[in-house]
Amino acid sequence: MQAVAVSFDIQNSRSYSSKEQLLTDLHQLADQLNDAFPAALVPFQIKSGDSLLGVFNEYAVSYPLMLMLLNQPLDGYIGIGFGQYETLSTTHADEANGSAVIFAFEAQDAAKQTANRIAFAGPPYLPTALLNGYIEMLYPAYFGKTDRQIELHRLMDQHPEATYEEIGLQMGFHEKDARMNVAKLVARSQRKQRKRLEKAFVDALNQLQVWEAIG
C-alpha cells in the first residue's frame, strides 16, 4: 500500500536531565498528533525512547503534520518518507515496515544536515530533491524573519479560522490596534504568498501519489 511515514527525532535528547520527562513530553506530543490526524495506518508512537513514528496513506497529510511539528515546543528532526507500507496486519510502530518507513528514517538522518531540520526521501523516481528544495525556499523566508513574524505564522497555522483581531489579541496587541497590526505583519511576512505556495506544494504531493499509483 502507498504510504507516507513521518519520523520526529528529538534534538539533543541526551541533554534531557530527566528521561522520564522526555518520555512524558513525547507521549503528550504523540497524543496531540493522533488527535489532530486520526486517520493513521500507524498512529504516532515512541521509537527508541527519543523519537516518534507515524504512517499514513495520503502523501499530502505530511505537510500539515510538518507544520504541527514545527509549531510545538520540542526541537527535533523531521523525516518524511514516501513509499510502501507492507505490514498491514499491525499498527505498532516497532513492528511497522516497508519502504516508506525506511525512507522516513533516511530522511530523518538527512534532516540533521540541514538548517531547517526537515527532509524528504523516497524511491529514485520520486522528485524528493524538488520537495526538499521547496522547503529550503520556504524556510525561513516564508515562515518568518523576525520573532513577531514567526509568532504570527505559528498562530495563524494553529488557528486558521481566527480573525486578524483575534490573532492580534493573542499576540498582545491592544484591541483597537490588533487588526491593523496583524494586517501589517501579514503583508511584511508574505503570508498570502506562502499560502499560495503551500497549496501548490500540497497539490503536487497529491499528484505524485496519483502518478505513482498509475505507474
N, C-alpha and C. Protein backbone atom coordinates (compact mmCIF):
# COMPACT_ATOMS: atom_id res chain seq x y z
N MET A 1 0.84 -1.20 0.00
CA MET A 1 0.00 0.00 0.00
C MET A 1 0.87 1.25 0.00
N GLN A 2 0.50 2.22 -0.85
CA GLN A 2 1.21 3.50 -0.84
C GLN A 2 1.08 4.16 0.53
N ALA A 3 2.15 4.79 0.98
CA ALA A 3 2.10 5.39 2.31
C ALA A 3 3.17 6.46 2.44
N VAL A 4 2.96 7.32 3.43
CA VAL A 4 3.97 8.28 3.85
C VAL A 4 4.21 8.05 5.34
N ALA A 5 5.46 7.93 5.71
CA ALA A 5 5.84 7.77 7.11
C ALA A 5 6.52 9.05 7.58
N VAL A 6 6.18 9.47 8.78
CA VAL A 6 6.74 10.70 9.35
C VAL A 6 7.46 10.35 10.65
N SER A 7 8.74 10.69 10.69
CA SER A 7 9.55 10.43 11.88
C SER A 7 9.98 11.76 12.49
N PHE A 8 9.94 11.83 13.81
CA PHE A 8 10.37 13.03 14.53
C PHE A 8 11.34 12.60 15.61
N ASP A 9 12.58 13.04 15.47
CA ASP A 9 13.64 12.67 16.39
C ASP A 9 14.04 13.87 17.23
N ILE A 10 13.95 13.74 18.56
CA ILE A 10 14.25 14.84 19.46
C ILE A 10 15.71 15.28 19.30
N GLN A 11 15.91 16.59 19.19
CA GLN A 11 17.26 17.13 19.09
C GLN A 11 17.92 17.15 20.47
N ASN A 12 19.16 16.65 20.51
CA ASN A 12 19.94 16.63 21.76
C ASN A 12 19.17 15.96 22.89
N SER A 13 18.59 14.81 22.60
CA SER A 13 17.80 14.11 23.63
C SER A 13 18.65 13.71 24.82
N ARG A 14 19.94 13.51 24.59
CA ARG A 14 20.82 13.11 25.70
C ARG A 14 21.00 14.22 26.73
N SER A 15 20.69 15.45 26.33
CA SER A 15 20.85 16.57 27.26
C SER A 15 19.67 16.68 28.23
N TYR A 16 18.61 15.91 28.00
CA TYR A 16 17.47 15.92 28.92
C TYR A 16 17.94 15.48 30.30
N SER A 17 17.67 16.28 31.30
CA SER A 17 18.09 15.93 32.65
C SER A 17 17.28 14.76 33.20
N SER A 18 16.05 14.60 32.71
CA SER A 18 15.19 13.52 33.16
C SER A 18 14.65 12.76 31.96
N LYS A 19 14.99 11.49 31.87
CA LYS A 19 14.47 10.66 30.77
C LYS A 19 12.97 10.43 30.92
N GLU A 20 12.50 10.44 32.17
CA GLU A 20 11.06 10.32 32.39
C GLU A 20 10.33 11.52 31.81
N GLN A 21 10.92 12.73 31.95
CA GLN A 21 10.31 13.92 31.39
C GLN A 21 10.30 13.85 29.87
N LEU A 22 11.37 13.32 29.29
CA LEU A 22 11.43 13.14 27.84
C LEU A 22 10.30 12.24 27.37
N LEU A 23 10.09 11.12 28.07
CA LEU A 23 9.00 10.21 27.70
C LEU A 23 7.64 10.90 27.84
N THR A 24 7.48 11.65 28.91
CA THR A 24 6.21 12.36 29.13
C THR A 24 5.94 13.35 28.01
N ASP A 25 6.98 14.11 27.63
CA ASP A 25 6.83 15.09 26.55
C ASP A 25 6.48 14.40 25.23
N LEU A 26 7.13 13.28 24.95
CA LEU A 26 6.87 12.56 23.70
C LEU A 26 5.48 11.95 23.69
N HIS A 27 5.04 11.41 24.82
CA HIS A 27 3.68 10.87 24.89
C HIS A 27 2.65 11.97 24.66
N GLN A 28 2.87 13.14 25.25
CA GLN A 28 1.94 14.25 25.06
C GLN A 28 1.90 14.69 23.60
N LEU A 29 3.07 14.78 22.97
CA LEU A 29 3.11 15.17 21.57
C LEU A 29 2.44 14.12 20.69
N ALA A 30 2.69 12.84 20.97
CA ALA A 30 2.04 11.78 20.20
C ALA A 30 0.53 11.87 20.32
N ASP A 31 0.03 12.12 21.52
CA ASP A 31 -1.41 12.24 21.72
C ASP A 31 -1.98 13.42 20.93
N GLN A 32 -1.27 14.55 20.94
CA GLN A 32 -1.72 15.71 20.20
C GLN A 32 -1.77 15.44 18.70
N LEU A 33 -0.73 14.80 18.19
CA LEU A 33 -0.68 14.48 16.76
C LEU A 33 -1.79 13.50 16.38
N ASN A 34 -2.00 12.50 17.22
CA ASN A 34 -3.02 11.49 16.91
C ASN A 34 -4.42 12.06 17.00
N ASP A 35 -4.64 13.02 17.91
CA ASP A 35 -5.94 13.68 17.97
C ASP A 35 -6.19 14.52 16.72
N ALA A 36 -5.13 15.19 16.23
CA ALA A 36 -5.27 16.06 15.06
C ALA A 36 -5.33 15.28 13.76
N PHE A 37 -4.68 14.11 13.72
CA PHE A 37 -4.60 13.31 12.49
C PHE A 37 -4.97 11.86 12.82
N PRO A 38 -6.27 11.59 13.01
CA PRO A 38 -6.68 10.26 13.47
C PRO A 38 -6.64 9.17 12.40
N ALA A 39 -6.63 9.55 11.11
CA ALA A 39 -6.69 8.55 10.04
C ALA A 39 -5.29 8.02 9.73
N ALA A 40 -4.75 7.23 10.65
CA ALA A 40 -3.39 6.72 10.50
C ALA A 40 -3.38 5.22 10.29
N LEU A 41 -2.46 4.76 9.45
CA LEU A 41 -2.19 3.33 9.36
C LEU A 41 -1.46 2.87 10.62
N VAL A 42 -0.53 3.72 11.07
CA VAL A 42 0.18 3.50 12.34
C VAL A 42 0.14 4.82 13.09
N PRO A 43 -0.63 4.92 14.18
CA PRO A 43 -0.65 6.18 14.95
C PRO A 43 0.74 6.49 15.50
N PHE A 44 0.99 7.75 15.76
CA PHE A 44 2.29 8.15 16.29
C PHE A 44 2.56 7.44 17.63
N GLN A 45 3.75 6.83 17.68
CA GLN A 45 4.20 6.13 18.87
C GLN A 45 5.69 6.38 19.06
N ILE A 46 6.15 6.16 20.28
CA ILE A 46 7.56 6.38 20.61
C ILE A 46 8.42 5.25 20.06
N LYS A 47 9.53 5.65 19.46
CA LYS A 47 10.54 4.70 18.98
C LYS A 47 11.86 4.99 19.67
N SER A 48 12.51 3.96 20.19
CA SER A 48 13.86 4.07 20.75
C SER A 48 13.96 5.08 21.89
N GLY A 49 12.85 5.44 22.48
CA GLY A 49 12.87 6.31 23.65
C GLY A 49 13.03 7.78 23.39
N ASP A 50 13.34 8.19 22.13
CA ASP A 50 13.56 9.61 21.88
C ASP A 50 13.04 10.08 20.53
N SER A 51 12.17 9.30 19.91
CA SER A 51 11.62 9.71 18.62
C SER A 51 10.20 9.19 18.47
N LEU A 52 9.49 9.74 17.47
CA LEU A 52 8.12 9.32 17.17
C LEU A 52 8.04 8.85 15.72
N LEU A 53 7.13 7.92 15.46
CA LEU A 53 6.88 7.46 14.10
C LEU A 53 5.38 7.30 13.90
N GLY A 54 4.90 7.81 12.75
CA GLY A 54 3.52 7.62 12.34
C GLY A 54 3.48 7.32 10.85
N VAL A 55 2.47 6.56 10.40
CA VAL A 55 2.35 6.19 8.99
C VAL A 55 0.94 6.48 8.52
N PHE A 56 0.84 7.07 7.31
CA PHE A 56 -0.45 7.47 6.75
C PHE A 56 -0.52 7.05 5.29
N ASN A 57 -1.75 6.97 4.76
CA ASN A 57 -1.88 6.52 3.38
C ASN A 57 -2.02 7.65 2.37
N GLU A 58 -2.04 8.90 2.82
CA GLU A 58 -2.15 10.03 1.90
C GLU A 58 -0.90 10.90 2.00
N TYR A 59 -0.20 11.04 0.88
CA TYR A 59 1.04 11.82 0.88
C TYR A 59 0.83 13.24 1.41
N ALA A 60 -0.29 13.86 1.01
CA ALA A 60 -0.49 15.28 1.30
C ALA A 60 -0.59 15.58 2.79
N VAL A 61 -0.93 14.58 3.62
CA VAL A 61 -1.06 14.83 5.06
C VAL A 61 0.30 15.19 5.67
N SER A 62 1.37 14.86 4.97
CA SER A 62 2.70 15.12 5.52
C SER A 62 2.96 16.62 5.72
N TYR A 63 2.33 17.47 4.91
CA TYR A 63 2.61 18.90 5.05
C TYR A 63 1.96 19.49 6.31
N PRO A 64 0.66 19.32 6.55
CA PRO A 64 0.12 19.84 7.82
C PRO A 64 0.74 19.16 9.04
N LEU A 65 1.15 17.91 8.91
CA LEU A 65 1.87 17.26 10.00
C LEU A 65 3.18 17.97 10.28
N MET A 66 3.89 18.30 9.20
CA MET A 66 5.15 19.01 9.34
C MET A 66 4.93 20.36 10.04
N LEU A 67 3.87 21.07 9.65
CA LEU A 67 3.58 22.36 10.28
C LEU A 67 3.31 22.20 11.77
N MET A 68 2.56 21.16 12.12
CA MET A 68 2.24 20.96 13.53
C MET A 68 3.51 20.65 14.32
N LEU A 69 4.40 19.87 13.74
CA LEU A 69 5.66 19.56 14.43
C LEU A 69 6.53 20.80 14.57
N LEU A 70 6.48 21.68 13.57
CA LEU A 70 7.25 22.92 13.65
C LEU A 70 6.67 23.88 14.70
N ASN A 71 5.37 23.78 14.93
CA ASN A 71 4.68 24.74 15.79
C ASN A 71 4.52 24.27 17.23
N GLN A 72 5.23 23.23 17.62
CA GLN A 72 5.17 22.78 19.01
C GLN A 72 6.54 22.99 19.65
N PRO A 73 6.64 22.98 20.96
CA PRO A 73 7.85 23.46 21.63
C PRO A 73 9.07 22.55 21.57
N LEU A 74 8.90 21.27 21.27
CA LEU A 74 10.05 20.36 21.25
C LEU A 74 10.84 20.53 19.96
N ASP A 75 12.14 20.70 20.07
CA ASP A 75 13.00 20.78 18.89
C ASP A 75 13.37 19.38 18.43
N GLY A 76 13.34 19.18 17.12
CA GLY A 76 13.67 17.86 16.61
C GLY A 76 13.86 17.86 15.11
N TYR A 77 14.19 16.68 14.58
CA TYR A 77 14.43 16.49 13.15
C TYR A 77 13.22 15.77 12.54
N ILE A 78 12.72 16.31 11.44
CA ILE A 78 11.52 15.77 10.80
C ILE A 78 11.93 15.04 9.53
N GLY A 79 11.67 13.74 9.49
CA GLY A 79 11.95 12.94 8.30
C GLY A 79 10.65 12.43 7.69
N ILE A 80 10.45 12.68 6.40
CA ILE A 80 9.21 12.29 5.72
C ILE A 80 9.57 11.35 4.58
N GLY A 81 9.07 10.11 4.66
CA GLY A 81 9.41 9.09 3.67
C GLY A 81 8.21 8.62 2.88
N PHE A 82 8.34 8.59 1.56
CA PHE A 82 7.27 8.11 0.67
C PHE A 82 7.62 6.73 0.16
N GLY A 83 6.62 5.87 0.05
CA GLY A 83 6.88 4.52 -0.47
C GLY A 83 5.72 3.60 -0.19
N GLN A 84 6.03 2.41 0.31
CA GLN A 84 5.03 1.40 0.59
C GLN A 84 4.99 1.06 2.07
N TYR A 85 3.79 0.72 2.54
CA TYR A 85 3.64 0.17 3.88
C TYR A 85 3.23 -1.29 3.71
N GLU A 86 4.04 -2.20 4.19
CA GLU A 86 3.87 -3.61 3.86
C GLU A 86 3.36 -4.46 5.02
N THR A 87 3.33 -3.91 6.23
CA THR A 87 2.89 -4.71 7.38
C THR A 87 1.51 -4.25 7.82
N LEU A 88 0.52 -4.51 6.97
CA LEU A 88 -0.83 -4.01 7.20
C LEU A 88 -1.50 -4.68 8.39
N SER A 89 -0.96 -5.78 8.86
CA SER A 89 -1.58 -6.51 9.97
C SER A 89 -1.29 -5.86 11.32
N THR A 90 -0.43 -4.85 11.36
CA THR A 90 -0.06 -4.25 12.63
C THR A 90 -0.20 -2.73 12.61
N THR A 91 -0.49 -2.17 13.78
CA THR A 91 -0.50 -0.72 13.94
C THR A 91 0.53 -0.30 14.98
N HIS A 92 1.47 -1.18 15.27
CA HIS A 92 2.52 -0.89 16.25
C HIS A 92 3.77 -0.38 15.53
N ALA A 93 4.30 0.75 16.00
CA ALA A 93 5.45 1.37 15.36
C ALA A 93 6.66 0.44 15.34
N ASP A 94 6.86 -0.34 16.40
CA ASP A 94 8.02 -1.22 16.47
C ASP A 94 7.93 -2.37 15.47
N GLU A 95 6.72 -2.65 14.98
CA GLU A 95 6.53 -3.73 14.01
C GLU A 95 6.34 -3.21 12.59
N ALA A 96 6.17 -1.90 12.45
CA ALA A 96 5.89 -1.30 11.14
C ALA A 96 7.08 -1.46 10.21
N ASN A 97 6.78 -1.80 8.96
CA ASN A 97 7.86 -1.98 7.99
C ASN A 97 7.36 -1.67 6.58
N GLY A 98 8.30 -1.41 5.71
CA GLY A 98 8.02 -1.05 4.34
C GLY A 98 8.93 0.09 3.91
N SER A 99 8.99 0.34 2.62
CA SER A 99 9.94 1.33 2.12
C SER A 99 9.64 2.73 2.65
N ALA A 100 8.36 3.06 2.90
CA ALA A 100 8.03 4.39 3.42
C ALA A 100 8.69 4.62 4.78
N VAL A 101 8.68 3.59 5.63
CA VAL A 101 9.29 3.69 6.96
C VAL A 101 10.81 3.82 6.83
N ILE A 102 11.39 3.01 5.96
CA ILE A 102 12.84 3.06 5.75
C ILE A 102 13.26 4.43 5.24
N PHE A 103 12.49 4.98 4.29
CA PHE A 103 12.82 6.30 3.75
C PHE A 103 12.61 7.41 4.79
N ALA A 104 11.65 7.23 5.70
CA ALA A 104 11.45 8.24 6.75
C ALA A 104 12.68 8.35 7.64
N PHE A 105 13.27 7.21 7.99
CA PHE A 105 14.47 7.24 8.82
C PHE A 105 15.67 7.79 8.03
N GLU A 106 15.71 7.48 6.74
CA GLU A 106 16.76 8.04 5.88
C GLU A 106 16.62 9.56 5.82
N ALA A 107 15.38 10.03 5.68
CA ALA A 107 15.14 11.48 5.64
C ALA A 107 15.47 12.13 6.97
N GLN A 108 15.16 11.44 8.05
CA GLN A 108 15.47 11.97 9.39
C GLN A 108 16.96 12.20 9.55
N ASP A 109 17.77 11.26 9.07
CA ASP A 109 19.22 11.44 9.14
C ASP A 109 19.67 12.60 8.26
N ALA A 110 19.05 12.73 7.08
CA ALA A 110 19.39 13.84 6.19
C ALA A 110 19.00 15.18 6.81
N ALA A 111 17.90 15.20 7.56
CA ALA A 111 17.43 16.44 8.19
C ALA A 111 18.45 16.98 9.18
N LYS A 112 19.27 16.11 9.74
CA LYS A 112 20.27 16.55 10.71
C LYS A 112 21.38 17.36 10.05
N GLN A 113 21.43 17.31 8.72
CA GLN A 113 22.45 18.07 7.99
C GLN A 113 21.90 19.34 7.38
N THR A 114 20.64 19.67 7.66
CA THR A 114 20.02 20.85 7.08
C THR A 114 19.74 21.89 8.17
N ALA A 115 19.70 23.15 7.77
CA ALA A 115 19.44 24.22 8.72
C ALA A 115 18.01 24.19 9.22
N ASN A 116 17.07 23.73 8.38
CA ASN A 116 15.66 23.74 8.78
C ASN A 116 15.21 22.46 9.47
N ARG A 117 16.07 21.44 9.54
CA ARG A 117 15.81 20.18 10.24
C ARG A 117 14.61 19.43 9.66
N ILE A 118 14.41 19.56 8.34
CA ILE A 118 13.32 18.87 7.64
C ILE A 118 13.89 18.25 6.37
N ALA A 119 13.48 17.00 6.06
CA ALA A 119 13.93 16.39 4.81
C ALA A 119 12.91 15.36 4.34
N PHE A 120 12.86 15.16 3.01
CA PHE A 120 12.01 14.17 2.37
C PHE A 120 12.90 13.12 1.72
N ALA A 121 12.40 11.88 1.65
CA ALA A 121 13.12 10.82 0.93
C ALA A 121 12.08 9.87 0.34
N GLY A 122 12.48 9.17 -0.73
CA GLY A 122 11.58 8.23 -1.37
C GLY A 122 12.30 7.49 -2.48
N PRO A 123 11.56 6.72 -3.27
CA PRO A 123 12.17 5.98 -4.38
C PRO A 123 12.85 6.92 -5.37
N PRO A 124 13.82 6.42 -6.14
CA PRO A 124 14.58 7.28 -7.06
C PRO A 124 13.70 8.02 -8.06
N TYR A 125 12.56 7.44 -8.43
CA TYR A 125 11.72 8.09 -9.45
C TYR A 125 10.85 9.21 -8.87
N LEU A 126 10.79 9.34 -7.55
CA LEU A 126 10.04 10.44 -6.95
C LEU A 126 10.95 11.66 -6.82
N PRO A 127 10.48 12.84 -7.21
CA PRO A 127 11.33 14.04 -7.18
C PRO A 127 11.47 14.63 -5.78
N THR A 128 12.00 13.83 -4.86
CA THR A 128 12.13 14.32 -3.48
C THR A 128 13.12 15.48 -3.38
N ALA A 129 14.07 15.55 -4.33
CA ALA A 129 15.00 16.69 -4.33
C ALA A 129 14.25 18.00 -4.53
N LEU A 130 13.20 17.97 -5.35
CA LEU A 130 12.39 19.16 -5.55
C LEU A 130 11.60 19.51 -4.28
N LEU A 131 11.10 18.49 -3.60
CA LEU A 131 10.38 18.73 -2.35
C LEU A 131 11.31 19.34 -1.31
N ASN A 132 12.53 18.81 -1.21
CA ASN A 132 13.49 19.39 -0.27
C ASN A 132 13.84 20.82 -0.65
N GLY A 133 13.96 21.07 -1.95
CA GLY A 133 14.26 22.42 -2.41
C GLY A 133 13.14 23.39 -2.10
N TYR A 134 11.92 22.92 -2.21
CA TYR A 134 10.76 23.76 -1.89
C TYR A 134 10.81 24.20 -0.43
N ILE A 135 11.07 23.26 0.46
CA ILE A 135 11.12 23.59 1.88
C ILE A 135 12.29 24.53 2.17
N GLU A 136 13.43 24.31 1.53
CA GLU A 136 14.56 25.21 1.72
C GLU A 136 14.22 26.62 1.27
N MET A 137 13.40 26.73 0.22
CA MET A 137 13.00 28.05 -0.27
C MET A 137 12.01 28.70 0.69
N LEU A 138 11.06 27.91 1.21
CA LEU A 138 10.05 28.46 2.09
C LEU A 138 10.60 28.81 3.46
N TYR A 139 11.59 28.09 3.91
CA TYR A 139 12.04 28.20 5.30
C TYR A 139 13.43 28.79 5.34
N PRO A 140 13.70 29.94 5.97
CA PRO A 140 12.74 30.64 6.83
C PRO A 140 12.03 31.81 6.15
N ALA A 141 12.33 32.07 4.88
CA ALA A 141 11.81 33.28 4.25
C ALA A 141 10.30 33.41 4.39
N TYR A 142 9.56 32.30 4.25
CA TYR A 142 8.11 32.37 4.31
C TYR A 142 7.56 31.86 5.64
N PHE A 143 8.43 31.56 6.58
CA PHE A 143 7.97 31.15 7.91
C PHE A 143 8.27 32.20 8.95
N GLY A 144 8.81 33.32 8.53
CA GLY A 144 9.04 34.44 9.44
C GLY A 144 10.51 34.78 9.60
N LYS A 145 10.83 36.06 9.39
CA LYS A 145 12.22 36.53 9.51
C LYS A 145 12.47 37.21 10.86
N THR A 146 11.41 37.54 11.58
CA THR A 146 11.53 38.17 12.90
C THR A 146 10.71 37.34 13.89
N ASP A 147 10.93 37.58 15.17
CA ASP A 147 10.18 36.85 16.20
C ASP A 147 8.68 37.10 16.05
N ARG A 148 8.32 38.33 15.74
CA ARG A 148 6.90 38.66 15.58
C ARG A 148 6.28 37.93 14.39
N GLN A 149 7.02 37.85 13.27
CA GLN A 149 6.52 37.16 12.10
C GLN A 149 6.40 35.66 12.36
N ILE A 150 7.38 35.11 13.06
CA ILE A 150 7.33 33.69 13.41
C ILE A 150 6.11 33.40 14.29
N GLU A 151 5.86 34.28 15.26
CA GLU A 151 4.70 34.13 16.13
C GLU A 151 3.41 34.23 15.33
N LEU A 152 3.36 35.18 14.40
CA LEU A 152 2.18 35.34 13.55
C LEU A 152 1.88 34.06 12.78
N HIS A 153 2.90 33.52 12.10
CA HIS A 153 2.69 32.30 11.30
C HIS A 153 2.26 31.14 12.19
N ARG A 154 2.89 31.02 13.36
CA ARG A 154 2.54 29.92 14.26
C ARG A 154 1.08 29.99 14.67
N LEU A 155 0.63 31.18 15.07
CA LEU A 155 -0.75 31.33 15.49
C LEU A 155 -1.73 31.14 14.34
N MET A 156 -1.40 31.66 13.17
CA MET A 156 -2.31 31.52 12.03
C MET A 156 -2.33 30.09 11.51
N ASP A 157 -1.21 29.37 11.66
CA ASP A 157 -1.20 27.95 11.30
C ASP A 157 -2.08 27.15 12.26
N GLN A 158 -1.99 27.49 13.56
CA GLN A 158 -2.72 26.74 14.57
C GLN A 158 -4.20 27.12 14.61
N HIS A 159 -4.53 28.35 14.21
CA HIS A 159 -5.91 28.83 14.28
C HIS A 159 -6.31 29.44 12.94
N PRO A 160 -6.45 28.62 11.91
CA PRO A 160 -6.69 29.14 10.56
C PRO A 160 -8.01 29.90 10.40
N GLU A 161 -8.98 29.66 11.29
CA GLU A 161 -10.27 30.33 11.19
C GLU A 161 -10.32 31.63 11.98
N ALA A 162 -9.27 31.94 12.73
CA ALA A 162 -9.27 33.13 13.58
C ALA A 162 -9.20 34.40 12.73
N THR A 163 -9.83 35.47 13.21
CA THR A 163 -9.77 36.75 12.53
C THR A 163 -8.45 37.44 12.86
N TYR A 164 -8.13 38.48 12.09
CA TYR A 164 -6.93 39.26 12.37
C TYR A 164 -6.98 39.82 13.79
N GLU A 165 -8.16 40.29 14.20
CA GLU A 165 -8.29 40.87 15.54
C GLU A 165 -8.01 39.81 16.61
N GLU A 166 -8.55 38.61 16.43
CA GLU A 166 -8.33 37.53 17.40
C GLU A 166 -6.86 37.15 17.48
N ILE A 167 -6.20 37.08 16.31
CA ILE A 167 -4.77 36.78 16.30
C ILE A 167 -3.99 37.89 17.00
N GLY A 168 -4.37 39.14 16.70
CA GLY A 168 -3.68 40.27 17.31
C GLY A 168 -3.80 40.29 18.82
N LEU A 169 -4.97 39.94 19.33
CA LEU A 169 -5.16 39.91 20.78
C LEU A 169 -4.29 38.82 21.41
N GLN A 170 -4.18 37.69 20.73
CA GLN A 170 -3.31 36.62 21.24
C GLN A 170 -1.85 37.04 21.23
N MET A 171 -1.51 37.94 20.30
CA MET A 171 -0.13 38.42 20.23
C MET A 171 0.14 39.56 21.20
N GLY A 172 -0.90 40.00 21.93
CA GLY A 172 -0.70 41.02 22.94
C GLY A 172 -0.94 42.44 22.48
N PHE A 173 -1.47 42.63 21.26
CA PHE A 173 -1.77 43.98 20.79
C PHE A 173 -3.03 44.51 21.50
N HIS A 174 -3.09 45.82 21.66
CA HIS A 174 -4.30 46.44 22.21
C HIS A 174 -5.46 46.22 21.24
N GLU A 175 -6.64 46.11 21.78
CA GLU A 175 -7.82 45.76 20.98
C GLU A 175 -8.01 46.71 19.80
N LYS A 176 -7.82 48.02 20.04
CA LYS A 176 -8.09 48.99 18.96
C LYS A 176 -7.06 48.91 17.83
N ASP A 177 -5.87 48.33 18.12
CA ASP A 177 -4.81 48.25 17.11
C ASP A 177 -4.59 46.83 16.59
N ALA A 178 -5.28 45.85 17.18
CA ALA A 178 -4.97 44.45 16.89
C ALA A 178 -5.10 44.10 15.41
N ARG A 179 -6.24 44.47 14.82
CA ARG A 179 -6.47 44.09 13.43
C ARG A 179 -5.47 44.76 12.50
N MET A 180 -5.24 46.05 12.69
CA MET A 180 -4.33 46.80 11.83
C MET A 180 -2.90 46.28 11.93
N ASN A 181 -2.44 45.99 13.16
CA ASN A 181 -1.08 45.50 13.33
C ASN A 181 -0.88 44.13 12.70
N VAL A 182 -1.88 43.26 12.82
CA VAL A 182 -1.77 41.95 12.19
C VAL A 182 -1.79 42.07 10.67
N ALA A 183 -2.62 42.95 10.14
CA ALA A 183 -2.65 43.16 8.68
C ALA A 183 -1.28 43.59 8.16
N LYS A 184 -0.61 44.47 8.91
CA LYS A 184 0.73 44.91 8.52
C LYS A 184 1.72 43.75 8.57
N LEU A 185 1.62 42.93 9.62
CA LEU A 185 2.52 41.79 9.75
C LEU A 185 2.28 40.76 8.64
N VAL A 186 1.03 40.55 8.28
CA VAL A 186 0.70 39.61 7.20
C VAL A 186 1.37 40.06 5.90
N ALA A 187 1.31 41.36 5.62
CA ALA A 187 1.92 41.88 4.41
C ALA A 187 3.44 41.74 4.44
N ARG A 188 4.05 42.10 5.56
CA ARG A 188 5.51 42.05 5.67
C ARG A 188 6.04 40.62 5.68
N SER A 189 5.26 39.70 6.20
CA SER A 189 5.73 38.31 6.32
C SER A 189 5.42 37.48 5.08
N GLN A 190 4.80 38.09 4.09
CA GLN A 190 4.45 37.41 2.83
C GLN A 190 3.54 36.20 3.08
N ARG A 191 2.63 36.38 4.02
CA ARG A 191 1.73 35.29 4.38
C ARG A 191 0.89 34.80 3.21
N LYS A 192 0.35 35.72 2.43
CA LYS A 192 -0.51 35.33 1.32
C LYS A 192 0.27 34.58 0.25
N GLN A 193 1.51 35.02 -0.01
CA GLN A 193 2.35 34.30 -0.97
C GLN A 193 2.65 32.90 -0.48
N ARG A 194 2.91 32.80 0.83
CA ARG A 194 3.20 31.48 1.39
C ARG A 194 2.01 30.55 1.22
N LYS A 195 0.79 31.04 1.46
CA LYS A 195 -0.39 30.19 1.35
C LYS A 195 -0.57 29.70 -0.08
N ARG A 196 -0.25 30.53 -1.07
CA ARG A 196 -0.36 30.08 -2.46
C ARG A 196 0.67 28.99 -2.74
N LEU A 197 1.89 29.18 -2.23
CA LEU A 197 2.93 28.17 -2.42
C LEU A 197 2.58 26.87 -1.70
N GLU A 198 2.00 26.98 -0.53
CA GLU A 198 1.59 25.79 0.21
C GLU A 198 0.55 24.99 -0.57
N LYS A 199 -0.41 25.70 -1.15
CA LYS A 199 -1.43 25.00 -1.94
C LYS A 199 -0.79 24.27 -3.11
N ALA A 200 0.15 24.92 -3.77
CA ALA A 200 0.83 24.29 -4.90
C ALA A 200 1.62 23.06 -4.43
N PHE A 201 2.22 23.15 -3.26
CA PHE A 201 3.00 22.03 -2.73
C PHE A 201 2.10 20.84 -2.40
N VAL A 202 0.98 21.10 -1.73
CA VAL A 202 0.05 20.02 -1.39
C VAL A 202 -0.55 19.41 -2.66
N ASP A 203 -0.88 20.24 -3.64
CA ASP A 203 -1.38 19.73 -4.91
C ASP A 203 -0.35 18.82 -5.57
N ALA A 204 0.93 19.20 -5.48
CA ALA A 204 1.99 18.39 -6.06
C ALA A 204 2.10 17.04 -5.35
N LEU A 205 1.97 17.03 -4.03
CA LEU A 205 2.01 15.77 -3.29
C LEU A 205 0.87 14.85 -3.72
N ASN A 206 -0.32 15.43 -3.87
CA ASN A 206 -1.45 14.62 -4.33
C ASN A 206 -1.20 14.06 -5.72
N GLN A 207 -0.65 14.89 -6.60
CA GLN A 207 -0.41 14.45 -7.97
C GLN A 207 0.68 13.37 -8.02
N LEU A 208 1.71 13.52 -7.20
CA LEU A 208 2.76 12.50 -7.14
C LEU A 208 2.19 11.14 -6.74
N GLN A 209 1.27 11.15 -5.79
CA GLN A 209 0.67 9.88 -5.37
C GLN A 209 -0.17 9.27 -6.48
N VAL A 210 -0.88 10.10 -7.22
CA VAL A 210 -1.67 9.60 -8.35
C VAL A 210 -0.77 9.01 -9.42
N TRP A 211 0.31 9.73 -9.76
CA TRP A 211 1.22 9.24 -10.79
C TRP A 211 1.88 7.94 -10.37
N GLU A 212 2.25 7.85 -9.09
CA GLU A 212 2.89 6.62 -8.62
C GLU A 212 1.91 5.44 -8.70
N ALA A 213 0.65 5.69 -8.37
CA ALA A 213 -0.35 4.63 -8.43
C ALA A 213 -0.56 4.16 -9.87
N ILE A 214 -0.55 5.13 -10.80
CA ILE A 214 -0.72 4.77 -12.22
C ILE A 214 0.48 4.01 -12.73
N GLY A 215 1.68 4.51 -12.34
CA GLY A 215 2.92 3.90 -12.83
C GLY A 215 3.17 2.54 -12.26
